[in-house]
Amino acid sequence: MSKNYHLDGVGANLELGKRGPRIKDNSGVIEHKNQADDGFVIVRGDHPVDDNDLVTKRYLETRANVIVTGQIDGGSPPSPGTPGRIYICTTAGGTYNLKSLYRDTGSSWEEIVPIEGMVISITDDLTGGTDEYLGDHLYMWDADGSTWVALGPSPAESGVVKTKRITIDYTDVGANLIVTVPANAIATKVMVNVTQVWNSPLPTIEVGDATDPDRLMEAKDSDLNKVGLYVADCFYLYGSATAINSTLANNAATPSQGQLTVIVQYDLP
């Protein structure tokens, strides 16, 4: 081992170790290059503390640009294995805390405790838990109330027409969630495309909400015993966030086949 603590300078293109990567001065800009000096290499370091510290990928994902793509049920958490994804705990259980964020490290879920003013983007509807969240929405953490406050649709999602579709078959009896529309959304059209007929008499499909299951499309508006596209025009303003469901009834018979796709169209404010 050789050390020289009296060096005041080194070359402008410094190789680290035999055939190792390079630190290069390019007109006053520090570059981290590969051995061949024709591409960049990954640089790792600790997370930022002071104003001029560089930001790491982990810091970016957990503080500056937090994109939530799924949810954690503490009693049945999903397996980790996709490094970088962020989930939110919608049902507490085990070591998972309600409302906390969790980052997939590839082998475990690392908790991210929300801080005052943190803003997150929810990409898809998160339903079925103690807490529920709307997709394509921004939320801000209110430390005083210990809750995520909805800021509204993402800017790119304002003043647009959106559609949501699901495919159901003869086994999906009862209410099937299509989409949870935000407050002040207007449902304008429902389409049911029967691609495989029911081989039983009098099956029906309705589209609406928990208060009025056929508010947007009545059972008489489609025929599940015939392949075809069935359309119902509507105009209903939802004053609060509401789940729109497609309710299938096979009635007294027991079919062995049948499939359709439901599409709901709605306007965002």
C-alpha atoms as a PDB file:
ATOM      1  CA  MET A   1       0.000   0.000   0.000  1.00  0.00           C
ATOM      2  CA  SER A   2       1.280   3.435  -0.893  1.00  0.00           C
ATOM      3  CA  LYS A   3      -0.068   6.755   0.338  1.00  0.00           C
ATOM      4  CA  ASN A   4       0.991  10.297  -0.518  1.00  0.00           C
ATOM      5  CA  TYR A   5      -0.781  12.988   1.463  1.00  0.00           C
ATOM      6  CA  HIS A   6       1.085  15.811  -0.274  1.00  0.00           C
ATOM      7  CA  LEU A   7      -0.630  15.582  -3.669  1.00  0.00           C
ATOM      8  CA  ASP A   8      -2.316  18.799  -4.732  1.00  0.00           C
ATOM      9  CA  GLY A   9      -3.619  17.591  -8.087  1.00  0.00           C
ATOM     10  CA  VAL A  10      -4.180  14.599 -10.340  1.00  0.00           C
ATOM     11  CA  GLY A  11      -4.886  14.138 -14.019  1.00  0.00           C
ATOM     12  CA  ALA A  12      -8.078  15.455 -15.596  1.00  0.00           C
ATOM     13  CA  ASN A  13      -9.099  11.894 -16.523  1.00  0.00           C
ATOM     14  CA  LEU A  14      -8.372   9.665 -13.508  1.00  0.00           C
ATOM     15  CA  GLU A  15      -8.677   5.868 -13.677  1.00  0.00           C
ATOM     16  CA  LEU A  16      -9.698   4.260 -10.366  1.00  0.00           C
ATOM     17  CA  GLY A  17      -7.852   0.986 -10.052  1.00  0.00           C
ATOM     18  CA  LYS A  18      -6.474  -1.123 -12.850  1.00  0.00           C
ATOM     19  CA  ARG A  19      -8.981  -0.998 -15.726  1.00  0.00           C
ATOM     20  CA  GLY A  20     -11.499   0.613 -13.385  1.00  0.00           C
ATOM     21  CA  PRO A  21     -14.016   3.441 -13.971  1.00  0.00           C
ATOM     22  CA  ARG A  22     -12.915   7.051 -14.356  1.00  0.00           C
ATOM     23  CA  ILE A  23     -13.502  10.428 -12.738  1.00  0.00           C
ATOM     24  CA  LYS A  24     -13.171  13.047 -15.453  1.00  0.00           C
ATOM     25  CA  ASP A  25     -12.969  16.827 -15.628  1.00  0.00           C
ATOM     26  CA  ASN A  26     -14.940  17.893 -18.702  1.00  0.00           C
ATOM     27  CA  SER A  27     -14.612  21.702 -18.978  1.00  0.00           C
ATOM     28  CA  GLY A  28     -15.168  22.147 -15.251  1.00  0.00           C
ATOM     29  CA  VAL A  29     -17.887  19.494 -14.994  1.00  0.00           C
ATOM     30  CA  ILE A  30     -17.155  16.297 -13.050  1.00  0.00           C
ATOM     31  CA  GLU A  31     -18.170  13.158 -14.937  1.00  0.00           C
ATOM     32  CA  HIS A  32     -18.176   9.546 -13.774  1.00  0.00           C
ATOM     33  CA  LYS A  33     -17.255   7.481 -16.826  1.00  0.00           C
ATOM     34  CA  ASN A  34     -16.655   3.837 -17.645  1.00  0.00           C
ATOM     35  CA  GLN A  35     -13.201   2.443 -18.324  1.00  0.00           C
ATOM     36  CA  ALA A  36     -13.459   3.097 -22.063  1.00  0.00           C
ATOM     37  CA  ASP A  37     -14.509   6.709 -21.382  1.00  0.00           C
ATOM     38  CA  ASP A  38     -17.487   6.345 -23.737  1.00  0.00           C
ATOM     39  CA  GLY A  39     -20.366   6.051 -21.258  1.00  0.00           C
ATOM     40  CA  PHE A  40     -21.459   6.960 -17.743  1.00  0.00           C
ATOM     41  CA  VAL A  41     -21.451   4.712 -14.675  1.00  0.00           C
ATOM     42  CA  ILE A  42     -23.677   4.571 -11.593  1.00  0.00           C
ATOM     43  CA  VAL A  43     -22.579   6.665  -8.627  1.00  0.00           C
ATOM     44  CA  ARG A  44     -23.856   5.776  -5.170  1.00  0.00           C
ATOM     45  CA  GLY A  45     -23.868   7.774  -1.975  1.00  0.00           C
ATOM     46  CA  ASP A  46     -25.820   8.660   1.140  1.00  0.00           C
ATOM     47  CA  HIS A  47     -29.100  10.538   1.156  1.00  0.00           C
ATOM     48  CA  PRO A  48     -29.057  14.381   1.090  1.00  0.00           C
ATOM     49  CA  VAL A  49     -28.841  16.446   4.264  1.00  0.00           C
ATOM     50  CA  ASP A  50     -27.609  19.898   3.259  1.00  0.00           C
ATOM     51  CA  ASP A  51     -28.674  22.238   0.447  1.00  0.00           C
ATOM     52  CA  ASN A  52     -25.990  21.207  -2.029  1.00  0.00           C
ATOM     53  CA  ASP A  53     -26.134  17.429  -1.426  1.00  0.00           C
ATOM     54  CA  LEU A  54     -27.012  15.237  -4.381  1.00  0.00           C
ATOM     55  CA  VAL A  55     -30.378  13.437  -4.338  1.00  0.00           C
ATOM     56  CA  THR A  56     -30.501   9.637  -4.416  1.00  0.00           C
ATOM     57  CA  LYS A  57     -33.069   7.530  -6.255  1.00  0.00           C
ATOM     58  CA  ARG A  58     -34.544   6.422  -2.941  1.00  0.00           C
ATOM     59  CA  TYR A  59     -34.972  10.015  -1.760  1.00  0.00           C
ATOM     60  CA  LEU A  60     -36.649  10.951  -5.027  1.00  0.00           C
ATOM     61  CA  GLU A  61     -39.114   8.044  -4.807  1.00  0.00           C
ATOM     62  CA  THR A  62     -39.944   8.532  -1.117  1.00  0.00           C
ATOM     63  CA  ARG A  63     -40.013  12.316  -0.774  1.00  0.00           C
ATOM     64  CA  ALA A  64     -39.944  14.345  -3.982  1.00  0.00           C
ATOM     65  CA  ASN A  65     -41.920  12.344  -6.543  1.00  0.00           C
ATOM     66  CA  VAL A  66     -44.030   9.816  -4.654  1.00  0.00           C
ATOM     67  CA  ILE A  67     -46.157   7.699  -6.990  1.00  0.00           C
ATOM     68  CA  VAL A  68     -48.421   5.198  -5.245  1.00  0.00           C
ATOM     69  CA  THR A  69     -49.422   2.264  -7.434  1.00  0.00           C
ATOM     70  CA  GLY A  70     -51.015  -0.171  -4.980  1.00  0.00           C
ATOM     71  CA  GLN A  71     -52.191  -0.904  -1.463  1.00  0.00           C
ATOM     72  CA  ILE A  72     -51.172  -3.067   1.489  1.00  0.00           C
ATOM     73  CA  ASP A  73     -53.574  -5.058   3.636  1.00  0.00           C
ATOM     74  CA  GLY A  74     -51.668  -5.602   6.868  1.00  0.00           C
ATOM     75  CA  GLY A  75     -53.330  -8.969   7.334  1.00  0.00           C
ATOM     76  CA  SER A  76     -52.363 -10.129   3.845  1.00  0.00           C
ATOM     77  CA  PRO A  77     -49.584  -7.926   2.413  1.00  0.00           C
ATOM     78  CA  PRO A  78     -48.407  -8.498  -1.155  1.00  0.00           C
ATOM     79  CA  SER A  79     -45.003 -10.080  -1.609  1.00  0.00           C
ATOM     80  CA  PRO A  80     -42.122  -7.656  -2.244  1.00  0.00           C
ATOM     81  CA  GLY A  81     -39.989  -8.166  -5.310  1.00  0.00           C
ATOM     82  CA  THR A  82     -40.359  -5.081  -7.502  1.00  0.00           C
ATOM     83  CA  PRO A  83     -37.781  -2.585  -6.175  1.00  0.00           C
ATOM     84  CA  GLY A  84     -38.895   1.040  -6.104  1.00  0.00           C
ATOM     85  CA  ARG A  85     -42.675   0.657  -6.158  1.00  0.00           C
ATOM     86  CA  ILE A  86     -44.605   2.527  -3.471  1.00  0.00           C
ATOM     87  CA  TYR A  87     -47.762   1.161  -1.794  1.00  0.00           C
ATOM     88  CA  ILE A  88     -50.000   2.695   0.870  1.00  0.00           C
ATOM     89  CA  CYS A  89     -51.408   0.781   3.833  1.00  0.00           C
ATOM     90  CA  THR A  90     -55.209   0.844   3.579  1.00  0.00           C
ATOM     91  CA  THR A  91     -55.854  -1.766   6.300  1.00  0.00           C
ATOM     92  CA  ALA A  92     -53.655  -1.963   9.393  1.00  0.00           C
ATOM     93  CA  GLY A  93     -52.236  -5.271  10.541  1.00  0.00           C
ATOM     94  CA  GLY A  94     -49.031  -6.871  11.732  1.00  0.00           C
ATOM     95  CA  THR A  95     -46.194  -4.355  11.393  1.00  0.00           C
ATOM     96  CA  TYR A  96     -48.075  -2.279   8.798  1.00  0.00           C
ATOM     97  CA  ASN A  97     -49.530   1.039   9.937  1.00  0.00           C
ATOM     98  CA  LEU A  98     -52.667   2.538   8.432  1.00  0.00           C
ATOM     99  CA  LYS A  99     -51.957   5.498   6.108  1.00  0.00           C
ATOM    100  CA  SER A 100     -48.191   4.885   6.057  1.00  0.00           C
ATOM    101  CA  LEU A 101     -46.393   4.441   2.761  1.00  0.00           C
ATOM    102  CA  TYR A 102     -44.201   1.433   2.032  1.00  0.00           C
ATOM    103  CA  ARG A 103     -41.377   1.085  -0.499  1.00  0.00           C
ATOM    104  CA  ASP A 104     -40.502  -2.259  -2.034  1.00  0.00           C
ATOM    105  CA  THR A 105     -36.770  -2.857  -1.526  1.00  0.00           C
ATOM    106  CA  GLY A 106     -36.906  -6.077  -3.509  1.00  0.00           C
ATOM    107  CA  SER A 107     -36.926  -8.262  -0.404  1.00  0.00           C
ATOM    108  CA  SER A 108     -39.076  -6.364   2.111  1.00  0.00           C
ATOM    109  CA  TRP A 109     -41.445  -3.424   2.566  1.00  0.00           C
ATOM    110  CA  GLU A 110     -39.698  -0.360   4.015  1.00  0.00           C
ATOM    111  CA  GLU A 111     -42.006   2.056   5.861  1.00  0.00           C
ATOM    112  CA  ILE A 112     -42.133   5.705   4.817  1.00  0.00           C
ATOM    113  CA  VAL A 113     -43.713   7.772   7.577  1.00  0.00           C
ATOM    114  CA  PRO A 114     -45.604  10.704   5.985  1.00  0.00           C
ATOM    115  CA  ILE A 115     -44.439  14.233   6.793  1.00  0.00           C
ATOM    116  CA  GLU A 116     -46.460  17.450   6.864  1.00  0.00           C
ATOM    117  CA  GLY A 117     -47.207  18.713   3.369  1.00  0.00           C
ATOM    118  CA  MET A 118     -46.050  15.580   1.540  1.00  0.00           C
ATOM    119  CA  VAL A 119     -47.922  15.159  -1.764  1.00  0.00           C
ATOM    120  CA  ILE A 120     -48.489  11.764  -3.371  1.00  0.00           C
ATOM    121  CA  SER A 121     -50.043  10.675  -6.655  1.00  0.00           C
ATOM    122  CA  ILE A 122     -52.484   7.739  -6.584  1.00  0.00           C
ATOM    123  CA  THR A 123     -52.529   6.082 -10.002  1.00  0.00           C
ATOM    124  CA  ASP A 124     -55.522   3.725  -9.646  1.00  0.00           C
ATOM    125  CA  ASP A 125     -58.579   3.389  -7.423  1.00  0.00           C
ATOM    126  CA  LEU A 126     -57.674   1.698  -4.129  1.00  0.00           C
ATOM    127  CA  THR A 127     -60.816   0.170  -2.657  1.00  0.00           C
ATOM    128  CA  GLY A 128     -61.874  -2.536  -0.219  1.00  0.00           C
ATOM    129  CA  GLY A 129     -59.765  -1.412   2.746  1.00  0.00           C
ATOM    130  CA  THR A 130     -60.369   0.639   5.874  1.00  0.00           C
ATOM    131  CA  ASP A 131     -59.225   3.648   3.832  1.00  0.00           C
ATOM    132  CA  GLU A 132     -60.035   4.094   0.140  1.00  0.00           C
ATOM    133  CA  TYR A 133     -58.405   6.377  -2.422  1.00  0.00           C
ATOM    134  CA  LEU A 134     -59.355   7.654  -5.865  1.00  0.00           C
ATOM    135  CA  GLY A 135     -57.151   6.970  -8.864  1.00  0.00           C
ATOM    136  CA  ASP A 136     -55.567   9.796 -10.889  1.00  0.00           C
ATOM    137  CA  HIS A 137     -55.710  11.957  -7.749  1.00  0.00           C
ATOM    138  CA  LEU A 138     -53.279  13.932  -5.656  1.00  0.00           C
ATOM    139  CA  TYR A 139     -53.280  13.707  -1.848  1.00  0.00           C
ATOM    140  CA  MET A 140     -51.491  15.845   0.763  1.00  0.00           C
ATOM    141  CA  TRP A 141     -50.570  14.676   4.250  1.00  0.00           C
ATOM    142  CA  ASP A 142     -52.194  16.759   7.007  1.00  0.00           C
ATOM    143  CA  ALA A 143     -50.121  16.040  10.117  1.00  0.00           C
ATOM    144  CA  ASP A 144     -52.589  17.919  12.356  1.00  0.00           C
ATOM    145  CA  GLY A 145     -55.417  15.624  11.347  1.00  0.00           C
ATOM    146  CA  SER A 146     -53.181  12.595  10.693  1.00  0.00           C
ATOM    147  CA  THR A 147     -54.875  12.017   7.352  1.00  0.00           C
ATOM    148  CA  TRP A 148     -54.396  12.226   3.607  1.00  0.00           C
ATOM    149  CA  VAL A 149     -56.417  15.117   2.186  1.00  0.00           C
ATOM    150  CA  ALA A 150     -57.611  14.833  -1.424  1.00  0.00           C
ATOM    151  CA  LEU A 151     -56.391  17.734  -3.543  1.00  0.00           C
ATOM    152  CA  GLY A 152     -58.428  16.645  -6.563  1.00  0.00           C
ATOM    153  CA  PRO A 153     -57.620  15.060  -9.920  1.00  0.00           C
ATOM    154  CA  SER A 154     -54.095  15.278 -11.256  1.00  0.00           C
ATOM    155  CA  PRO A 155     -53.771  18.435 -13.393  1.00  0.00           C
ATOM    156  CA  ALA A 156     -53.668  16.414 -16.601  1.00  0.00           C
ATOM    157  CA  GLU A 157     -56.953  14.756 -15.623  1.00  0.00           C
ATOM    158  CA  SER A 158     -59.045  17.923 -15.194  1.00  0.00           C
ATOM    159  CA  GLY A 159     -61.700  18.887 -17.724  1.00  0.00           C
ATOM    160  CA  VAL A 160     -61.530  15.624 -19.675  1.00  0.00           C
ATOM    161  CA  VAL A 161     -63.802  12.734 -20.610  1.00  0.00           C
ATOM    162  CA  LYS A 162     -62.708   9.398 -19.187  1.00  0.00           C
ATOM    163  CA  THR A 163     -63.850   5.819 -19.641  1.00  0.00           C
ATOM    164  CA  LYS A 164     -63.462   2.749 -17.495  1.00  0.00           C
ATOM    165  CA  ARG A 165     -64.168  -0.815 -18.530  1.00  0.00           C
ATOM    166  CA  ILE A 166     -64.393  -4.237 -16.936  1.00  0.00           C
ATOM    167  CA  THR A 167     -65.039  -7.698 -18.329  1.00  0.00           C
ATOM    168  CA  ILE A 168     -67.331 -10.013 -16.394  1.00  0.00           C
ATOM    169  CA  ASP A 169     -68.666 -13.476 -17.047  1.00  0.00           C
ATOM    170  CA  TYR A 170     -71.551 -15.649 -15.915  1.00  0.00           C
ATOM    171  CA  THR A 171     -69.868 -16.420 -12.562  1.00  0.00           C
ATOM    172  CA  ASP A 172     -69.634 -12.764 -11.487  1.00  0.00           C
ATOM    173  CA  VAL A 173     -73.095 -12.584  -9.945  1.00  0.00           C
ATOM    174  CA  GLY A 174     -73.881  -9.467  -7.925  1.00  0.00           C
ATOM    175  CA  ALA A 175     -72.282  -6.024  -7.900  1.00  0.00           C
ATOM    176  CA  ASN A 176     -68.969  -5.633  -9.746  1.00  0.00           C
ATOM    177  CA  LEU A 177     -67.039  -2.385  -9.240  1.00  0.00           C
ATOM    178  CA  ILE A 178     -66.356  -0.559 -12.509  1.00  0.00           C
ATOM    179  CA  VAL A 179     -64.939   2.719 -11.232  1.00  0.00           C
ATOM    180  CA  THR A 180     -65.164   5.141  -8.317  1.00  0.00           C
ATOM    181  CA  VAL A 181     -65.863   8.534  -9.860  1.00  0.00           C
ATOM    182  CA  PRO A 182     -64.772  11.701  -8.040  1.00  0.00           C
ATOM    183  CA  ALA A 183     -67.094  14.408  -6.749  1.00  0.00           C
ATOM    184  CA  ASN A 184     -68.790  16.471  -9.490  1.00  0.00           C
ATOM    185  CA  ALA A 185     -68.168  13.861 -12.173  1.00  0.00           C
ATOM    186  CA  ILE A 186     -71.025  13.408 -14.663  1.00  0.00           C
ATOM    187  CA  ALA A 187     -71.806   9.908 -15.953  1.00  0.00           C
ATOM    188  CA  THR A 188     -72.844  10.289 -19.609  1.00  0.00           C
ATOM    189  CA  LYS A 189     -72.870   6.878 -21.282  1.00  0.00           C
ATOM    190  CA  VAL A 190     -72.844   3.143 -20.593  1.00  0.00           C
ATOM    191  CA  MET A 191     -72.018   0.455 -23.152  1.00  0.00           C
ATOM    192  CA  VAL A 192     -72.454  -3.284 -22.697  1.00  0.00           C
ATOM    193  CA  ASN A 193     -70.824  -5.503 -25.309  1.00  0.00           C
ATOM    194  CA  VAL A 194     -72.010  -9.111 -25.099  1.00  0.00           C
ATOM    195  CA  THR A 195     -69.331 -11.307 -26.668  1.00  0.00           C
ATOM    196  CA  GLN A 196     -70.605 -14.696 -25.487  1.00  0.00           C
ATOM    197  CA  VAL A 197     -74.299 -15.319 -24.854  1.00  0.00           C
ATOM    198  CA  TRP A 198     -75.693 -16.698 -21.617  1.00  0.00           C
ATOM    199  CA  ASN A 199     -77.076 -20.208 -22.178  1.00  0.00           C
ATOM    200  CA  SER A 200     -79.808 -19.649 -19.615  1.00  0.00           C
ATOM    201  CA  PRO A 201     -83.044 -17.643 -19.808  1.00  0.00           C
ATOM    202  CA  LEU A 202     -83.521 -14.102 -18.523  1.00  0.00           C
ATOM    203  CA  PRO A 203     -80.066 -13.051 -17.236  1.00  0.00           C
ATOM    204  CA  THR A 204     -79.830  -9.294 -16.620  1.00  0.00           C
ATOM    205  CA  ILE A 205     -77.189  -6.604 -16.180  1.00  0.00           C
ATOM    206  CA  GLU A 206     -77.693  -3.224 -14.506  1.00  0.00           C
ATOM    207  CA  VAL A 207     -75.297  -0.318 -14.072  1.00  0.00           C
ATOM    208  CA  GLY A 208     -75.574   2.220 -11.303  1.00  0.00           C
ATOM    209  CA  ASP A 209     -74.531   2.803  -7.716  1.00  0.00           C
ATOM    210  CA  ALA A 210     -75.359   1.420  -4.271  1.00  0.00           C
ATOM    211  CA  THR A 211     -78.287   3.839  -3.843  1.00  0.00           C
ATOM    212  CA  ASP A 212     -79.782   3.104  -7.282  1.00  0.00           C
ATOM    213  CA  PRO A 213     -78.263  -0.016  -8.932  1.00  0.00           C
ATOM    214  CA  ASP A 214     -79.842   0.740 -12.345  1.00  0.00           C
ATOM    215  CA  ARG A 215     -79.454   4.524 -12.309  1.00  0.00           C
ATOM    216  CA  LEU A 216     -77.330   4.563 -15.482  1.00  0.00           C
ATOM    217  CA  MET A 217     -78.520   1.458 -17.331  1.00  0.00           C
ATOM    218  CA  GLU A 218     -81.609  -0.647 -16.655  1.00  0.00           C
ATOM    219  CA  ALA A 219     -81.957  -4.391 -17.143  1.00  0.00           C
ATOM    220  CA  LYS A 220     -84.277  -3.838 -20.127  1.00  0.00           C
ATOM    221  CA  ASP A 221     -81.546  -1.926 -21.992  1.00  0.00           C
ATOM    222  CA  SER A 222     -79.564  -5.060 -22.900  1.00  0.00           C
ATOM    223  CA  ASP A 223     -80.099  -8.699 -23.878  1.00  0.00           C
ATOM    224  CA  LEU A 224     -77.503 -11.138 -22.582  1.00  0.00           C
ATOM    225  CA  ASN A 225     -78.943 -13.929 -24.743  1.00  0.00           C
ATOM    226  CA  LYS A 226     -77.814 -12.166 -27.921  1.00  0.00           C
ATOM    227  CA  VAL A 227     -74.354 -11.093 -29.008  1.00  0.00           C
ATOM    228  CA  GLY A 228     -74.317  -7.345 -29.569  1.00  0.00           C
ATOM    229  CA  LEU A 229     -73.457  -3.856 -28.356  1.00  0.00           C
ATOM    230  CA  TYR A 230     -76.028  -2.169 -26.128  1.00  0.00           C
ATOM    231  CA  VAL A 231     -75.809   1.562 -25.359  1.00  0.00           C
ATOM    232  CA  ALA A 232     -77.548   3.724 -22.762  1.00  0.00           C
ATOM    233  CA  ASP A 233     -77.125   7.500 -22.760  1.00  0.00           C
ATOM    234  CA  CYS A 234     -77.395   9.169 -19.376  1.00  0.00           C
ATOM    235  CA  PHE A 235     -76.570  12.385 -17.574  1.00  0.00           C
ATOM    236  CA  TYR A 236     -76.104  12.094 -13.829  1.00  0.00           C
ATOM    237  CA  LEU A 237     -74.028  14.416 -11.645  1.00  0.00           C
ATOM    238  CA  TYR A 238     -72.402  12.722  -8.662  1.00  0.00           C
ATOM    239  CA  GLY A 239     -72.009  15.226  -5.827  1.00  0.00           C
ATOM    240  CA  SER A 240     -69.493  13.061  -3.960  1.00  0.00           C
ATOM    241  CA  ALA A 241     -67.062  10.277  -4.791  1.00  0.00           C
ATOM    242  CA  THR A 242     -69.221   7.277  -5.707  1.00  0.00           C
ATOM    243  CA  ALA A 243     -68.610   3.705  -6.755  1.00  0.00           C
ATOM    244  CA  ILE A 244     -70.308   2.737 -10.022  1.00  0.00           C
ATOM    245  CA  ASN A 245     -71.163  -0.948 -10.208  1.00  0.00           C
ATOM    246  CA  SER A 246     -72.359  -3.424 -12.799  1.00  0.00           C
ATOM    247  CA  THR A 247     -74.829  -5.832 -11.195  1.00  0.00           C
ATOM    248  CA  LEU A 248     -75.307  -9.237 -12.819  1.00  0.00           C
ATOM    249  CA  ALA A 249     -78.285 -11.453 -12.068  1.00  0.00           C
ATOM    250  CA  ASN A 250     -78.591 -14.948 -13.519  1.00  0.00           C
ATOM    251  CA  ASN A 251     -82.029 -15.201 -11.908  1.00  0.00           C
ATOM    252  CA  ALA A 252     -83.373 -18.696 -11.324  1.00  0.00           C
ATOM    253  CA  ALA A 253     -81.282 -20.470 -13.959  1.00  0.00           C
ATOM    254  CA  THR A 254     -77.671 -21.646 -13.763  1.00  0.00           C
ATOM    255  CA  PRO A 255     -75.697 -20.822 -16.921  1.00  0.00           C
ATOM    256  CA  SER A 256     -72.424 -22.469 -17.936  1.00  0.00           C
ATOM    257  CA  GLN A 257     -71.236 -19.709 -20.256  1.00  0.00           C
ATOM    258  CA  GLY A 258     -71.549 -15.970 -20.904  1.00  0.00           C
ATOM    259  CA  GLN A 259     -69.201 -12.991 -21.078  1.00  0.00           C
ATOM    260  CA  LEU A 260     -69.507  -9.241 -21.617  1.00  0.00           C
ATOM    261  CA  THR A 261     -67.592  -5.989 -21.283  1.00  0.00           C
ATOM    262  CA  VAL A 262     -69.030  -2.903 -19.609  1.00  0.00           C
ATOM    263  CA  ILE A 263     -67.726   0.581 -20.392  1.00  0.00           C
ATOM    264  CA  VAL A 264     -68.731   3.670 -18.411  1.00  0.00           C
ATOM    265  CA  GLN A 265     -68.028   7.152 -19.769  1.00  0.00           C
ATOM    266  CA  TYR A 266     -67.851  10.144 -17.410  1.00  0.00           C
ATOM    267  CA  ASP A 267     -66.807  13.805 -17.551  1.00  0.00           C
ATOM    268  CA  LEU A 268     -64.401  15.274 -15.026  1.00  0.00           C
ATOM    269  CA  PRO A 269     -64.889  18.870 -13.842  1.00  0.00           C
END
